[in-house]
Protein backbone atom coordinates (compact mmCIF):
# COMPACT_ATOMS: atom_id res chain seq x y z
CA MET A 1 160.03 90.84 23.66
CA SER A 2 157.24 88.98 24.97
CA MET A 3 154.86 90.58 27.57
CA ARG A 4 155.80 87.44 30.03
CA THR A 5 159.27 89.04 30.87
CA PRO A 6 158.19 92.12 32.33
CA VAL A 7 155.49 90.38 34.27
CA LEU A 8 157.98 87.89 35.76
CA THR A 9 160.24 90.89 36.52
CA ALA A 10 157.55 92.83 38.32
CA ALA A 11 156.33 89.50 40.10
CA ALA A 12 160.16 89.15 41.50
CA LEU A 13 160.32 92.52 42.67
CA LEU A 14 157.05 92.48 44.52
CA ALA A 15 157.99 89.09 46.11
CA ALA A 16 161.42 90.69 47.26
CA LEU A 17 159.27 93.68 48.57
CA ALA A 18 157.11 91.52 50.64
CA ALA A 19 159.88 89.51 52.30
CA PRO A 20 160.48 90.31 55.57
CA PRO A 21 163.39 92.31 56.42
CA ALA A 22 166.59 90.74 58.10
CA ARG A 23 166.57 90.69 61.82
CA ALA A 24 169.31 91.22 64.19
CA GLU A 25 168.58 87.67 65.44
CA ASP A 26 169.13 86.21 61.96
CA PHE A 27 172.91 86.55 62.31
CA ILE A 28 175.32 85.25 64.57
CA PRO A 29 178.02 87.73 65.78
CA MET A 30 181.74 86.09 66.09
CA ARG A 31 184.77 87.10 67.04
CA MET A 32 187.97 85.55 65.58
CA MET A 33 191.57 85.85 66.33
CA ALA A 34 193.61 87.88 63.80
CA PRO A 35 196.54 85.98 62.26
CA SER A 36 198.96 88.13 64.35
CA LEU A 37 197.37 87.19 67.56
CA ALA A 38 197.40 83.63 66.54
CA LEU A 39 201.09 83.61 65.49
CA ASP A 40 202.16 85.43 68.96
CA LEU A 41 200.39 82.94 70.84
CA ALA A 42 201.97 79.76 68.99
CA ARG A 43 205.53 81.45 69.22
CA ALA A 44 204.99 82.10 73.01
CA ALA A 45 203.76 78.29 73.55
CA LEU A 46 206.97 76.86 71.48
CA GLU A 47 209.23 79.06 73.37
CA ALA A 48 207.62 77.58 76.55
CA CYS A 49 208.00 74.02 75.49
CA ARG A 50 211.61 75.06 74.13
CA ALA A 51 212.43 76.45 77.98
CA ARG A 52 211.32 73.24 79.43
CA GLY A 53 213.66 71.32 76.91
CA PHE A 54 210.96 69.88 74.55
CA GLN A 55 210.90 70.02 70.93
CA VAL A 56 207.21 70.39 69.70
CA ALA A 57 204.70 71.38 67.09
CA VAL A 58 202.20 74.07 67.93
CA ALA A 59 199.01 74.53 65.94
CA VAL A 60 196.54 77.47 66.55
CA VAL A 61 193.22 76.78 64.93
CA ASP A 62 190.18 79.48 64.67
CA ARG A 63 186.81 78.80 66.23
CA MET A 64 185.91 76.37 63.79
CA GLY A 65 188.92 74.37 63.97
CA VAL A 66 190.51 75.30 60.80
CA PRO A 67 194.20 75.68 61.12
CA GLN A 68 195.54 79.23 61.38
CA VAL A 69 199.31 78.87 62.33
CA MET A 70 201.32 75.91 62.67
CA LEU A 71 205.01 75.89 64.05
CA ARG A 72 206.97 73.00 63.89
CA ASP A 73 210.38 72.95 66.13
CA ALA A 74 213.59 71.51 64.06
CA LEU A 75 213.50 68.22 66.01
CA ALA A 76 209.99 67.63 66.73
CA GLY A 77 208.59 64.10 65.26
CA PRO A 78 206.96 63.93 61.94
CA HIS A 79 203.54 62.95 63.81
CA THR A 80 203.42 66.22 65.65
CA PRO A 81 201.80 68.67 63.34
CA GLU A 82 198.86 66.71 62.59
CA THR A 83 198.64 65.77 66.05
CA ALA A 84 198.74 69.30 67.50
CA ILE A 85 196.06 70.31 64.96
CA GLY A 86 193.87 67.51 65.96
CA LYS A 87 194.16 68.33 69.82
CA ALA A 88 193.46 72.26 68.83
CA ARG A 89 190.77 71.14 66.74
CA ALA A 90 189.16 68.73 69.83
CA ALA A 91 189.39 71.52 72.35
CA VAL A 92 187.51 73.84 70.14
CA SER A 93 184.86 71.74 68.94
CA PHE A 94 184.22 70.23 72.49
CA ARG A 95 184.50 73.33 74.27
CA ALA A 96 187.12 71.72 76.72
CA SER A 97 190.90 70.99 77.27
CA THR A 98 191.92 67.72 75.61
CA GLU A 99 193.47 66.80 79.42
CA GLU A 100 189.90 66.75 80.46
CA LEU A 101 188.63 65.08 77.43
CA SER A 102 191.09 62.35 77.72
CA ALA A 103 189.66 61.06 80.75
CA LEU A 104 186.30 61.35 79.48
CA THR A 105 186.79 59.34 76.35
CA GLN A 106 188.76 56.42 77.57
CA ALA A 107 187.54 52.98 76.76
CA GLY A 108 184.61 52.12 78.75
CA GLN A 109 183.26 55.45 79.22
CA VAL A 110 179.82 56.58 77.63
CA ASN A 111 181.82 59.14 75.45
CA SER A 112 184.45 56.58 74.21
CA ALA A 113 183.30 56.42 70.72
CA ILE A 114 184.50 60.11 69.98
CA ARG A 115 187.79 58.98 70.10
CA HIS A 116 187.18 57.42 66.41
CA ILE A 117 186.17 60.74 64.90
CA PRO A 118 188.71 61.52 62.24
CA GLY A 119 190.73 64.70 62.41
CA PHE A 120 190.28 64.79 66.31
CA VAL A 121 193.00 63.82 69.11
CA PHE A 122 191.89 63.31 72.98
CA LEU A 123 195.20 63.45 74.57
CA GLY A 124 196.48 66.27 76.70
CA GLY A 125 197.97 69.29 75.04
CA GLY A 126 194.77 71.00 73.19
CA VAL A 127 193.16 74.21 75.13
CA PRO A 128 190.34 76.29 73.88
CA VAL A 129 191.34 79.77 73.70
CA GLU A 130 188.75 82.29 75.09
CA ALA A 131 188.09 86.05 74.68
CA GLY A 132 184.98 88.00 76.18
CA GLY A 133 183.43 84.85 77.39
CA MET A 134 183.64 82.92 74.09
CA ILE A 135 185.82 80.66 72.43
CA VAL A 136 188.04 82.20 69.63
CA GLY A 137 190.05 79.28 68.84
CA GLY A 138 192.32 76.88 70.18
CA VAL A 139 195.79 75.93 70.75
CA GLY A 140 197.59 72.32 70.52
CA ILE A 141 200.80 71.19 71.35
CA SER A 142 202.34 68.01 70.42
CA GLY A 143 205.68 66.43 71.36
CA ALA A 144 206.52 66.96 75.02
CA PRO A 145 206.63 63.85 77.04
CA GLY A 146 203.26 63.51 78.07
CA GLY A 147 199.94 65.47 77.81
CA ALA A 148 200.24 67.37 80.80
CA GLU A 149 203.45 68.87 79.55
CA ASP A 150 201.90 69.55 76.17
CA ASP A 151 199.02 71.28 77.97
CA ALA A 152 201.41 73.31 80.14
CA CYS A 153 202.92 74.95 77.13
CA ALA A 154 199.70 75.52 75.56
CA ARG A 155 198.42 77.28 78.59
CA ALA A 156 201.62 79.32 78.64
CA GLY A 157 201.13 80.50 75.17
CA ILE A 158 197.72 81.74 76.03
CA ALA A 159 198.90 83.46 79.33
CA ALA A 160 201.56 85.12 77.16
CA VAL A 161 198.69 86.90 74.94
CA GLU A 162 196.21 87.13 77.77
CA GLU A 163 195.87 91.01 77.76
CA ARG A 164 195.12 90.81 74.18
CA LEU A 165 192.23 88.49 74.73
CA LEU A 166 190.58 90.52 77.22
CA MET A 167 187.73 92.54 75.79
C-alpha cells in the first residue's frame, strides 16, 4: 500500500469537514397530492361530466406536470387522454387555468408562440390545484363540447375534494 492512499483519504476527509453545513434555504419544501387524493379528484370530475351527459378523459398531474391519474370514460374519443394531460400540464406549468391561457395565447397575441410547445394544450379544461397557497397539481378534462364545459367539470372535481386541500 502506497503512502499516497492514506494522504488522499485524509485530504478528502478534511475537505468534507471544511465544507459549509447544509442550510434550510438550500432546500425547497414541497407538497404533493397523494395518489388517493388525485384519484378521488379525477373520479369526482368524471362524475361531474357524466352528470352533464359528457364522455370525457380526466387527467391529474403532480406539481411538475407528471401524470398521476388518467381516467377515460368508455365513449370518450381516442384523443382525449393526451389532450387532458396537456391541459393539466399547461395549467400547472403556467400557474393559470387553460381557459385564461387560451385567450392569452391566441394568434396575434404576445404569448401566442407558447401554443407550439410540445405536450401542452391551451384550450379550456385545465385547472391548477392549490393547497395551502401553493400549486400541488393540476386537473385536465377533454371531451365535453367546449373548453367551458371541460373547465366546469375540472372545477367540480376540485370542489369535491376541497376540504382535503385545506391546510
